[in-house]
Protein backbone atom coordinates (compact mmCIF):
# COMPACT_ATOMS: atom_id res chain seq x y z
CA MET A 1 8.78 -117.30 6.21
CA SER A 2 5.85 -119.43 6.66
CA GLN A 3 4.71 -121.25 9.91
CA ARG A 4 6.37 -124.17 8.60
CA THR A 5 9.62 -122.72 8.24
CA SER A 6 9.54 -120.01 10.80
CA ILE A 7 11.51 -122.07 13.16
CA PHE A 8 14.93 -121.33 11.12
CA SER A 9 14.67 -117.65 11.44
CA LYS A 10 14.08 -117.32 15.12
CA LEU A 11 16.26 -116.91 17.85
CA VAL A 12 16.75 -118.75 21.04
CA ARG A 13 15.49 -115.36 22.91
CA ASP A 14 12.27 -115.86 21.16
CA PHE A 15 11.27 -119.13 22.83
CA ALA A 16 13.52 -119.03 25.99
CA SER A 17 11.62 -118.33 29.29
CA GLY A 18 12.99 -115.27 31.02
CA ALA A 19 11.87 -116.22 34.78
CA ALA A 20 14.24 -118.94 35.01
CA VAL A 21 14.68 -120.15 38.39
CA SER A 22 18.34 -119.72 39.75
CA VAL A 23 19.85 -120.50 42.92
CA THR A 24 23.58 -120.47 44.08
CA PRO A 25 25.72 -123.56 44.66
CA ASP A 26 25.24 -123.28 48.30
CA THR A 27 21.56 -123.15 48.36
CA PRO A 28 19.72 -125.76 50.49
CA LEU A 29 18.16 -128.46 48.38
CA VAL A 30 14.65 -128.09 50.12
CA ASP A 31 14.90 -124.34 49.10
CA THR A 32 15.86 -125.29 45.82
CA VAL A 33 12.82 -127.30 45.26
CA THR A 34 10.71 -125.20 47.15
CA LYS A 35 11.82 -122.51 44.71
CA MET A 36 11.00 -124.62 41.61
CA ALA A 37 7.67 -125.97 42.92
CA ALA A 38 6.55 -122.26 43.48
CA ALA A 39 7.53 -121.37 40.00
CA ASP A 40 6.14 -124.53 38.71
CA ALA A 41 9.45 -124.97 36.64
CA SER A 42 10.91 -127.92 36.11
CA SER A 43 14.57 -126.88 36.63
CA ALA A 44 16.69 -124.71 38.55
CA THR A 45 19.83 -123.22 37.15
CA VAL A 46 23.00 -122.85 39.61
CA VAL A 47 24.82 -119.65 39.13
CA ASP A 48 28.27 -118.22 40.40
CA GLU A 49 28.70 -114.68 42.07
CA GLN A 50 28.49 -113.50 38.40
CA GLY A 51 25.26 -114.93 37.37
CA ARG A 52 27.06 -117.54 34.97
CA PRO A 53 25.52 -121.05 35.01
CA VAL A 54 28.01 -123.82 36.52
CA GLY A 55 25.10 -126.19 37.00
CA ILE A 56 21.56 -127.33 36.94
CA LEU A 57 18.99 -129.25 38.80
CA THR A 58 16.20 -130.75 36.97
CA GLU A 59 12.87 -132.71 37.89
CA GLN A 60 14.72 -135.91 37.16
CA ASP A 61 17.95 -135.03 38.99
CA VAL A 62 15.42 -134.68 42.05
CA THR A 63 13.77 -137.99 41.50
CA ARG A 64 17.12 -139.61 40.88
CA ARG A 65 19.54 -138.15 43.31
CA VAL A 66 17.63 -136.37 45.96
CA VAL A 67 14.40 -138.46 47.09
CA PHE A 68 15.61 -140.68 49.74
CA GLN A 69 19.11 -140.20 49.16
CA ALA A 70 20.05 -136.59 50.15
CA SER A 71 19.11 -134.68 53.40
CA GLU A 72 17.05 -131.50 52.50
CA GLY A 73 19.88 -129.40 54.17
CA GLN A 74 22.30 -130.34 51.53
CA PRO A 75 23.56 -127.87 49.24
CA VAL A 76 22.38 -128.17 45.61
CA LYS A 77 26.06 -128.37 44.55
CA ASP A 78 26.26 -131.70 45.98
CA VAL A 79 23.81 -133.19 43.56
CA MET A 80 23.58 -130.73 40.65
CA THR A 81 24.44 -131.77 37.03
CA ARG A 82 28.02 -130.04 36.36
CA ASP A 83 29.53 -129.02 33.35
CA VAL A 84 26.09 -127.49 32.13
CA VAL A 85 25.43 -126.92 28.41
CA THR A 86 24.45 -123.69 27.87
CA ILE A 87 23.10 -121.71 24.72
CA SER A 88 23.72 -117.90 23.61
CA ALA A 89 20.23 -116.03 23.36
CA ASP A 90 21.22 -114.75 19.93
CA GLU A 91 21.89 -118.26 18.73
CA TYR A 92 19.03 -119.65 16.13
CA LEU A 93 16.51 -121.76 17.58
CA TYR A 94 16.79 -124.68 15.32
CA TYR A 95 20.82 -125.12 16.41
CA ALA A 96 19.42 -125.16 20.09
CA ILE A 97 16.90 -127.86 19.23
CA ALA A 98 19.36 -130.04 17.66
CA ARG A 99 22.02 -129.63 20.32
CA MET A 100 19.60 -130.52 22.75
CA ARG A 101 18.54 -133.67 21.08
CA ARG A 102 21.85 -134.79 20.17
CA ARG A 103 22.75 -134.32 23.97
CA ASP A 104 19.05 -135.76 25.23
CA LEU A 105 18.62 -132.55 26.96
CA ARG A 106 15.08 -131.57 28.15
CA HIS A 107 16.33 -128.00 29.72
CA MET A 108 19.22 -125.76 28.62
CA PRO A 109 20.11 -122.67 30.47
CA VAL A 110 20.23 -119.17 28.00
CA VAL A 111 22.93 -117.02 28.33
CA ASP A 112 23.37 -113.21 27.46
CA SER A 113 26.70 -111.77 25.91
CA GLN A 114 28.42 -111.88 29.10
CA GLY A 115 27.72 -115.41 29.90
CA ALA A 116 25.22 -114.62 32.72
CA LEU A 117 21.79 -116.35 32.88
CA ALA A 118 19.04 -114.92 30.79
CA GLY A 119 16.48 -117.79 30.76
CA ILE A 120 15.65 -121.19 30.24
CA LEU A 121 15.04 -123.15 27.25
CA ASP A 122 12.34 -126.02 27.30
CA LEU A 123 12.78 -128.52 24.20
CA HIS A 124 8.95 -129.41 24.37
CA HIS A 125 8.09 -125.72 24.04
CA ALA A 126 10.76 -125.11 21.55
CA VAL A 127 9.54 -128.13 19.05
CA ALA A 128 6.01 -127.87 19.76
CA ASP A 129 5.22 -126.61 16.05
CA ALA A 130 7.86 -128.65 14.16
CA SER A 131 6.89 -131.88 12.39
CA THR A 132 8.77 -135.35 12.64
CA GLU A 133 10.10 -134.72 9.21
CA LEU A 134 11.20 -131.30 9.67
CA MET A 135 13.12 -132.07 12.81
CA ALA A 136 14.99 -134.71 10.72
CA GLU A 137 15.81 -131.87 8.47
CA ILE A 138 17.13 -129.69 11.35
CA ASP A 139 19.22 -132.47 12.75
CA LYS A 140 20.91 -132.69 9.41
CA LEU A 141 21.55 -128.82 9.16
CA THR A 142 22.96 -128.82 12.51
CA ARG A 143 26.59 -130.39 12.39
CA GLU A 144 29.28 -129.02 14.45
CA ASP A 145 31.03 -125.76 13.68
CA SER A 146 33.71 -126.72 11.63
CA VAL A 147 34.39 -126.83 7.91
CA ASP A 148 33.79 -130.36 7.36
CA GLY A 149 30.44 -129.89 9.68
CA LEU A 150 29.32 -126.83 7.52
CA THR A 151 30.07 -128.99 4.49
CA GLU A 152 27.44 -131.28 5.66
CA ILE A 153 24.99 -128.62 6.33
CA LYS A 154 25.53 -127.09 2.89
CA ALA A 155 24.84 -130.55 1.10
CA ALA A 156 21.96 -131.33 3.43
CA GLN A 157 20.03 -127.92 1.99
CA VAL A 158 19.36 -129.85 -1.24
CA GLY A 159 17.47 -132.26 0.95
CA LEU A 160 15.59 -129.79 2.71
CA ALA A 161 14.69 -127.90 -0.27
CA ASP A 162 13.09 -130.96 -1.85
CA TYR A 163 11.13 -132.05 1.04
CA LEU A 164 9.63 -128.58 1.09
CA MET A 165 8.87 -128.46 -2.64
CA ALA A 166 7.22 -131.58 -2.22
CA GLU A 167 5.17 -130.17 0.77
CA GLY A 168 4.09 -127.40 -1.38
CA LEU A 169 5.85 -124.57 0.14
CA PRO A 170 6.20 -121.47 -2.22
CA THR A 171 9.61 -121.64 -4.11
CA THR A 172 10.21 -118.03 -2.90
CA GLU A 173 9.92 -119.15 0.71
CA ILE A 174 12.41 -122.20 0.09
CA GLN A 175 14.54 -119.50 -1.28
CA ALA A 176 14.43 -117.12 1.47
CA LEU A 177 15.13 -120.41 3.73
CA LEU A 178 18.02 -121.22 1.67
CA THR A 179 19.63 -117.75 1.45
CA HIS A 180 19.12 -117.50 5.27
CA ILE A 181 21.07 -120.84 5.80
CA ASN A 182 23.43 -119.83 3.66
CA ASN A 183 24.24 -116.30 5.58
CA ASP A 184 24.20 -118.14 8.88
CA ILE A 185 27.19 -120.47 7.08
CA TYR A 186 28.86 -116.96 6.37
CA ARG A 187 28.37 -116.12 10.19
CA ARG A 188 29.97 -119.29 11.32
CA VAL A 189 32.82 -119.45 8.96
CA ILE A 190 33.81 -115.95 10.30
CA ASP A 191 33.41 -116.86 13.80
CA LEU A 192 35.63 -119.78 13.06
CA ASN A 193 38.28 -117.80 11.36
CA LEU A 194 38.09 -115.15 13.98
CA THR A 195 39.10 -117.53 16.52
CA ALA A 196 41.71 -119.06 14.62
CA MET A 197 43.43 -115.98 13.88
CA GLU A 198 43.63 -114.92 17.61
CA ALA A 199 44.88 -118.58 18.26
CA ASP A 200 47.66 -117.85 15.38
CA GLY A 201 48.44 -114.80 17.08
CA ARG A 202 47.06 -112.28 14.62
CA GLY A 203 45.02 -111.05 17.36
CA THR A 204 41.41 -109.40 17.43
CA PRO A 205 39.74 -107.17 14.57
CA PRO A 206 41.94 -104.00 14.61
CA ALA A 207 38.45 -102.00 13.87
CA ASN A 208 34.89 -102.84 13.74
CA PHE A 209 33.54 -104.14 10.76
CA CYS A 210 30.61 -105.78 9.30
CA VAL A 211 30.33 -108.53 6.29
CA ILE A 212 27.93 -107.89 3.47
CA VAL A 213 26.39 -110.50 0.88
CA MET A 214 25.26 -108.96 -2.35
CA GLY A 215 23.14 -110.23 -5.29
CA SER A 216 20.62 -112.89 -4.54
CA GLY A 217 22.18 -113.53 -1.02
CA GLY A 218 21.10 -109.76 -0.31
CA ARG A 219 17.86 -110.12 -1.80
CA GLY A 220 17.08 -113.50 -0.09
CA GLU A 221 16.86 -115.08 -3.42
CA ASN A 222 19.44 -117.85 -3.23
CA TYR A 223 19.00 -121.21 -5.38
CA ILE A 224 21.13 -124.09 -4.37
CA TYR A 225 24.86 -123.21 -5.02
CA PRO A 226 25.35 -119.34 -5.39
CA ASP A 227 28.50 -117.85 -5.93
CA GLN A 228 30.09 -115.76 -3.28
CA ASP A 229 29.33 -111.94 -3.50
CA ASN A 230 30.57 -110.32 -0.44
CA GLY A 231 32.52 -107.50 1.02
CA PHE A 232 33.54 -105.79 4.12
CA ILE A 233 32.33 -102.40 5.65
CA ILE A 234 35.19 -101.20 7.90
CA GLU A 235 34.94 -98.54 10.66
CA ASP A 236 37.01 -95.28 9.67
CA TYR A 237 40.59 -95.46 10.94
CA ASP A 238 43.42 -93.13 10.59
CA ASP A 239 45.28 -93.51 7.30
CA ASP A 240 48.76 -94.07 8.79
CA ARG A 241 47.14 -97.33 10.26
CA HIS A 242 46.11 -98.77 6.70
CA THR A 243 48.74 -101.20 6.10
CA GLU A 244 48.36 -102.67 9.55
CA ILE A 245 44.77 -102.84 9.77
CA ASP A 246 44.24 -103.57 5.61
CA ALA A 247 46.88 -106.75 6.03
CA TRP A 248 44.66 -108.19 9.07
CA PHE A 249 41.34 -107.97 6.83
CA ILE A 250 43.11 -109.36 3.85
CA GLU A 251 43.94 -112.24 5.80
CA LEU A 252 40.53 -112.95 7.27
CA ALA A 253 39.00 -112.45 3.66
CA GLU A 254 41.41 -115.01 2.30
CA ARG A 255 40.61 -117.49 4.88
CA MET A 256 36.78 -116.59 5.02
CA THR A 257 36.62 -117.07 1.02
CA GLY A 258 38.66 -120.17 1.25
CA ASP A 259 36.50 -121.95 3.64
CA LEU A 260 33.22 -120.79 2.03
CA ASP A 261 34.56 -122.12 -1.38
CA ARG A 262 35.33 -125.83 0.67
CA VAL A 263 32.10 -125.44 2.18
CA GLY A 264 30.07 -125.35 -1.12
CA LEU A 265 29.84 -121.71 -1.68
CA PRO A 266 32.07 -121.24 -4.86
CA LEU A 267 34.31 -118.42 -5.17
CA CYS A 268 33.24 -115.75 -7.30
CA LYS A 269 34.42 -116.03 -11.13
CA GLY A 270 34.34 -111.95 -11.19
CA TYR A 271 36.12 -111.69 -7.96
CA VAL A 272 33.41 -109.86 -6.12
CA MET A 273 34.70 -110.86 -2.79
CA ALA A 274 36.40 -109.19 0.22
CA THR A 275 39.85 -110.38 -0.89
CA ASN A 276 39.42 -107.66 -3.68
CA PRO A 277 39.95 -104.10 -2.41
CA LEU A 278 37.09 -102.82 -4.45
CA TRP A 279 34.95 -104.95 -2.19
CA ARG A 280 36.82 -104.39 1.15
CA LYS A 281 36.59 -100.58 2.08
CA THR A 282 35.94 -98.23 5.17
CA LEU A 283 32.43 -96.77 5.39
CA SER A 284 33.55 -93.51 4.14
CA GLN A 285 35.47 -95.01 1.18
CA TRP A 286 32.43 -97.14 0.51
CA LYS A 287 30.43 -93.77 0.20
CA GLU A 288 33.11 -92.20 -1.92
CA GLN A 289 32.98 -94.94 -4.42
CA ILE A 290 29.23 -95.04 -4.57
CA SER A 291 29.42 -91.09 -5.36
CA LEU A 292 32.10 -91.87 -8.01
CA TRP A 293 30.13 -94.48 -9.71
CA SER A 294 27.06 -92.39 -9.73
CA ARG A 295 29.03 -89.61 -11.54
CA ARG A 296 30.99 -91.44 -14.04
CA ARG A 297 28.56 -93.93 -15.31
CA ASN A 298 30.90 -95.88 -17.36
CA THR A 299 29.90 -99.28 -18.42
CA THR A 300 32.34 -100.91 -15.46
CA ALA A 301 30.91 -98.77 -12.93
CA LEU A 302 27.30 -99.48 -13.89
CA ARG A 303 27.73 -103.09 -13.68
CA LEU A 304 29.37 -102.94 -10.12
CA CYS A 305 26.39 -100.98 -9.02
CA ASP A 306 24.22 -103.74 -10.47
CA ILE A 307 25.74 -106.17 -8.03
CA PHE A 308 26.36 -103.90 -5.02
CA PHE A 309 23.02 -102.36 -4.62
CA ASP A 310 21.39 -105.53 -3.44
CA PHE A 311 23.12 -106.09 0.07
CA ARG A 312 22.60 -107.11 3.42
CA CYS A 313 25.02 -107.41 6.56
CA VAL A 314 25.58 -111.11 7.72
CA TRP A 315 28.00 -110.54 10.33
CA GLY A 316 29.19 -107.61 12.60
CA ASN A 317 27.63 -104.30 13.27
CA PRO A 318 24.57 -103.64 11.05
CA GLU A 319 24.35 -100.28 11.76
CA MET A 320 27.20 -99.80 9.17
CA ALA A 321 25.40 -101.59 6.53
CA ILE A 322 22.06 -99.31 7.31
CA GLU A 323 23.93 -96.12 7.15
CA LEU A 324 25.28 -97.16 3.70
CA HIS A 325 21.81 -98.42 2.72
CA ASP A 326 20.63 -95.13 3.77
CA TYR A 327 23.47 -93.46 1.64
CA VAL A 328 22.73 -95.45 -1.42
CA ALA A 329 19.33 -94.13 -1.21
CA GLN A 330 20.34 -90.71 -0.89
CA VAL A 331 22.34 -91.05 -4.12
CA THR A 332 19.82 -92.75 -6.28
CA GLN A 333 16.32 -91.56 -5.35
CA GLY A 334 14.94 -89.47 -8.07
CA ASN A 335 18.31 -89.57 -9.90
CA VAL A 336 16.91 -90.27 -13.05
CA ALA A 337 19.88 -89.39 -15.11
CA PHE A 338 21.99 -92.18 -13.47
CA LEU A 339 19.21 -94.92 -13.21
CA ARG A 340 18.86 -94.33 -17.00
CA GLU A 341 22.26 -95.22 -17.54
CA MET A 342 21.50 -98.36 -15.55
CA TYR A 343 18.78 -98.97 -17.63
CA GLU A 344 20.64 -98.57 -21.11
CA ASP A 345 23.64 -100.82 -19.70
CA ASP A 346 20.85 -103.39 -18.88
CA ARG A 347 18.63 -103.02 -21.97
CA ASP A 348 20.14 -106.12 -23.81
CA ASN A 349 19.00 -108.31 -21.01
CA SER A 350 15.84 -109.72 -22.20
CA VAL A 351 13.79 -112.69 -21.77
CA ALA A 352 14.07 -115.87 -23.85
CA LEU A 353 10.93 -115.15 -25.79
CA GLY A 354 10.99 -114.61 -29.53
CA TRP A 355 8.64 -114.22 -32.70
CA PHE A 356 5.20 -115.98 -32.56
CA GLY A 357 5.97 -116.52 -28.78
CA ARG A 358 8.71 -118.99 -29.50
CA PHE A 359 11.26 -119.79 -26.82
CA ILE A 360 14.91 -118.69 -27.54
CA THR A 361 17.33 -121.63 -26.38
CA GLU A 362 20.99 -121.80 -25.83
CA LYS A 363 22.90 -122.25 -29.41
CA ASP A 364 26.52 -121.47 -28.40
CA VAL A 365 27.15 -123.84 -25.13
CA GLU A 366 27.18 -127.23 -26.02
CA ALA A 367 26.09 -128.85 -23.07
CA HIS A 368 23.08 -126.77 -22.65
CA LYS A 369 21.71 -126.31 -26.52
CA GLY A 370 18.11 -126.28 -26.63
CA GLU A 371 17.78 -125.27 -23.02
CA MET A 372 17.00 -121.61 -21.59
CA ASN A 373 19.05 -119.99 -18.91
CA LEU A 374 16.04 -119.12 -16.65
CA LYS A 375 18.10 -117.07 -14.46
CA HIS A 376 19.83 -114.69 -17.19
CA THR A 377 16.97 -114.83 -19.38
CA GLY A 378 14.09 -115.20 -16.84
CA THR A 379 14.57 -113.63 -13.60
CA LEU A 380 17.24 -111.20 -14.21
CA PRO A 381 15.48 -108.80 -16.58
CA LEU A 382 12.67 -108.53 -14.09
CA VAL A 383 15.04 -108.18 -10.99
CA GLU A 384 16.84 -105.43 -12.66
CA ALA A 385 13.54 -103.36 -13.81
CA ILE A 386 12.10 -103.82 -10.24
CA ARG A 387 15.21 -102.85 -8.86
CA LEU A 388 15.74 -99.45 -10.99
CA LEU A 389 11.93 -98.31 -10.12
CA SER A 390 12.54 -99.10 -6.47
CA LEU A 391 15.92 -97.01 -6.31
CA ARG A 392 14.10 -94.32 -8.23
CA ASP A 393 11.07 -94.31 -5.69
CA GLY A 394 12.87 -94.99 -2.57
CA VAL A 395 11.69 -98.45 -1.55
CA GLY A 396 14.08 -99.68 1.09
CA THR A 397 13.05 -103.47 0.97
CA ALA A 398 15.42 -106.20 -0.89
CA SER A 399 13.55 -109.03 -2.18
CA THR A 400 11.92 -108.70 -5.34
CA LEU A 401 8.40 -109.79 -4.33
CA ASN A 402 8.56 -107.08 -1.39
CA ARG A 403 9.28 -104.63 -3.90
CA MET A 404 6.90 -105.47 -6.28
CA GLU A 405 4.31 -105.15 -3.25
CA ALA A 406 5.81 -101.81 -2.30
CA LEU A 407 5.67 -100.37 -5.76
CA ARG A 408 2.16 -101.48 -6.29
CA GLU A 409 1.33 -99.83 -3.04
CA LEU A 410 2.79 -96.62 -4.32
CA GLY A 411 0.79 -96.91 -7.55
CA VAL A 412 3.82 -97.60 -9.66
CA LEU A 413 2.43 -100.87 -10.56
CA SER A 414 -1.30 -101.59 -11.41
CA HIS A 415 -2.86 -104.63 -9.79
CA ASP A 416 -3.09 -106.45 -12.90
CA GLU A 417 0.40 -105.61 -13.62
CA HIS A 418 1.57 -106.84 -9.87
CA ASP A 419 -0.56 -109.92 -10.32
CA TYR A 420 1.30 -111.05 -13.67
CA LEU A 421 4.80 -109.80 -12.53
CA SER A 422 4.68 -111.55 -9.38
CA GLY A 423 2.70 -114.70 -10.39
CA GLY A 424 5.44 -114.94 -13.47
CA PHE A 425 8.43 -114.41 -10.97
CA ARG A 426 7.01 -117.39 -8.69
CA HIS A 427 6.59 -119.69 -11.53
CA ILE A 428 10.22 -119.09 -13.13
CA CYS A 429 11.62 -119.32 -9.84
CA ARG A 430 9.85 -122.68 -9.11
CA LEU A 431 10.98 -124.19 -12.54
CA LEU A 432 14.38 -123.36 -11.66
CA LEU A 433 14.73 -124.51 -8.25
CA ARG A 434 13.16 -127.74 -9.39
CA GLN A 435 15.57 -128.34 -12.15
CA GLN A 436 18.51 -127.67 -9.84
CA ILE A 437 17.28 -130.27 -7.28
CA ALA A 438 16.86 -132.58 -10.31
CA ASP A 439 20.29 -132.24 -11.34
CA PHE A 440 21.92 -132.84 -8.11
CA LYS A 441 19.82 -135.98 -7.55
CA ASN A 442 20.66 -137.00 -10.57
CA GLY A 443 24.56 -136.65 -10.34
CA ASN A 444 24.38 -133.75 -13.14
CA GLN A 445 25.96 -130.23 -12.92
CA VAL A 446 23.85 -127.95 -11.29
CA SER A 447 23.02 -124.84 -13.40
CA ASN A 448 20.31 -122.42 -14.34
CA TYR A 449 19.32 -124.35 -17.65
CA VAL A 450 15.99 -125.69 -18.02
CA ASP A 451 14.88 -127.68 -21.08
CA PRO A 452 11.47 -126.26 -22.10
CA LYS A 453 10.57 -129.43 -23.71
CA ALA A 454 10.75 -131.21 -20.34
CA LEU A 455 7.68 -128.72 -19.27
CA THR A 456 4.31 -129.64 -19.55
CA LYS A 457 2.08 -127.86 -21.84
CA ARG A 458 0.37 -125.84 -19.08
CA GLU A 459 3.82 -125.04 -17.45
CA GLN A 460 5.04 -123.99 -20.93
CA ASP A 461 2.02 -121.38 -21.43
CA ILE A 462 2.56 -120.06 -18.02
CA LEU A 463 5.90 -119.32 -18.88
CA THR A 464 5.21 -117.88 -21.99
CA ASP A 465 2.57 -115.38 -20.41
CA SER A 466 5.15 -114.80 -17.63
CA PHE A 467 8.13 -113.87 -20.42
CA LYS A 468 5.40 -111.64 -22.09
CA ALA A 469 4.65 -109.63 -19.01
CA ILE A 470 8.05 -109.26 -18.13
CA ARG A 471 9.04 -108.06 -21.72
CA ASP A 472 6.01 -105.30 -21.62
CA PHE A 473 7.15 -104.40 -18.12
CA ARG A 474 10.78 -103.62 -19.22
CA ASN A 475 9.46 -101.66 -22.30
CA ARG A 476 7.32 -99.59 -19.93
CA VAL A 477 10.32 -99.02 -17.26
CA GLY A 478 12.55 -98.30 -20.54
CA GLY A 479 9.76 -95.60 -21.83
CA GLU A 480 9.78 -94.24 -18.37
CA PHE A 481 13.65 -93.42 -18.16
CA THR A 482 14.56 -92.81 -21.63
CA GLY A 483 11.42 -91.35 -23.22
CA GLU A 484 11.22 -93.65 -25.87
CA LEU A 485 8.21 -95.47 -27.26
CA PHE A 486 8.19 -99.18 -27.94
């Protein structure tokens, strides 16, 4: 992410001061203030015997409650602010900023996973690089953790994307930010449901697990309303516990996908969700399934690979996702026969460019006649081809642009080829995201369709060149995998 959007990816621990002044409740005020002065600190956190914050004393407290009102020997507990608001070190920085702004706090103690004091967050330091406009967007993106609050956050994404496009931020960076926020919504929905299941007597998770998202969410290339493509990787357990354990994860999956749908991440029409046992497996079962897909190579298996091979962990133990990524690389790297079959299955996915450089527009879908689906006939043909080469050559990164850069460094893409393809990808993404924002603002259904007649002549020319570059590249990739000449 750029400097302007990096605030959305940083954690509280990135900005918290680890040298927080801490005292016990019985520490005399004179000693507390002396420690603050010695550390040039504007606050002192009051902690209990386990190091957990129970109060805070700030410079404002000193001037309002201490000077000329309290004796220097009084314990700090007499004047501290109780019911202190804390923040986890692993929380996102922009959530902490919004919470502090809403509560008019200038300091917030940072705690570790055990609830013990780990540092102090200063609001002025945290927002130093954020513009007023960006702060307004942050406020919209930080509603309370509830389905209704997360629904407001999802709706606010469109305004954020519109603002950042107007600011000239590259579209692919905006997509990365939208993905980041969507994946954070996943995290919060899962946390809400885990709490609810425990409260309902369903207990805690019976096995360690992680939640993965696939497709554009795994690549960091979301647009405004991506469908859910998710799954569970569950720690291996004894077979005789399957009925009990799987029933628990089925319930979590049903709750999670239902809430995500209500929030604004639609249910997947292809049922690529953890409610489907195909996408809810133990780590060993996932490996067996990937191995089976690579051997059988039928149409169904190949299309499932297309969906699955771009995935990332959004909740839970990332080590299981990393191990599974490593296994995918082991199965696919250098496996030309398998990758050739994947190419053959995707062969008909081409760009919307016909004879004499004319755009091929929709003829069958009445609502979009004369328009182009810039996802299916624009970015997708490039994403698929780049992924194939990346799997063959062991490129581990997930985003399409990063994969292109890695392939260029390996010499798989020439400098000119990389320039045309990366530029074309950015251009198509920009046209598509711009159209989706316009559709949303005009009250139209948000889709992947763009009317070529609505583009400027220059945009049409660049799009034509982009399509040609992608088509030539796919032909080249096809030649490498099939030996055919185009």
